[in-house]
Amino acid sequence: MSITPTPEHRVTIVTVAYNSLAVLPGMLASVPDEVACIIVDNASDDHAALAELAAAHGAHLIRNDDNRGFGTACNIGAAQAQTEFLLFLNPDTRLQDGAIGALVACADANPAAVAFNPAISEANGKPYFKRGSVLLPKAQKLPPGWPERDREVPVLTGAAFFVRRTAFEATGGFDPEIFLYHEDDDLALRLRADSGPLMFVRGARVIHDAGNSTVRSPKSAAFKAFHMGRSRVYATRKHHLPGAGRKALLSALLQLASPLTLLSKRKRAKHMAFLRGVLTTLRQRPAS
């Protein structure tokens, strides 16, 4: 007699850690016991403590010798999964009761759809919804706030990215050339083009304490901003958007011109690094 697996048994969570111990315990505590969880550590300084935390929650921990970026780390974790669905979940998120079940139920009810976002709230309770992308025309941008019901959407956020594993593998996973930022937009658009629609699932709730997965400092801000600048040029070129490099450069210069930049060491470091990322990638030959 065969046993029908529960929704939780059909899902593997993949999360990427990089000095994320301030938030990761809360995320792991929100994961139902039946859900497999894989943590990919991008060479954190706190690996020993992370190993203890993973063991306490029964999570499988993979250690990278260096920081390979978000998308590549997600691919490494996903390669170890055997379940029908993958849920890429940021370490600064927390699943709400019934979130996994609601995502699986929506996927079962919409077999043509391949990837899904839950209804994500910020830490203060404000709904967060990814309405559009720099990789899409403004005409495709949706109204602010959560949609009133489950519906097809043009793009997904990577904070809580639920996807059929076969579709993820068929489209090649995250682009390893994107170290950080816009990798979720790129993956969502490739999934939509290759396999089927993307959907928003209103009944699945996730809290996202955005920006707190790593320590805030001028150094960390500059590190992230450099890769944001690099990814902005690379991803917009990849998707053949007109004026991709010019628009990224203009954005970088406008940020530097802001009076707030002069008053904040962190903002100066961030905006200078964004400009360096843009210029570095503009000098490289575009991918064919």
Foldseek 3Di string as FASTA:
>chain_A
DDDDDALQLQEEEEEEAAQQVVQQLQALVQRDLNHAYEYEYACHPPVVVVVVSCVVSVYHYHYDNHRLADQVSRVVRLVPDDHFKYKYAYSQKHWDPCQSVLVVVVCVVPVQAFKEDEFEAEPVRHTDDQQDDPQDDPVQGDDDDDDPAKDFHQFDDNNIMMGGSVLCVVLPTFDSVQRDPCSRRLSRNSSCVPGHTYMYRHVTYMYGNPPNSHDDDLVVLLVRLLSNLQCQLQVNVVSPPPPSLVVQLVVLVVQCPDPVCVVDSSSVSNSVSSNNSSVVNVPDDHDD
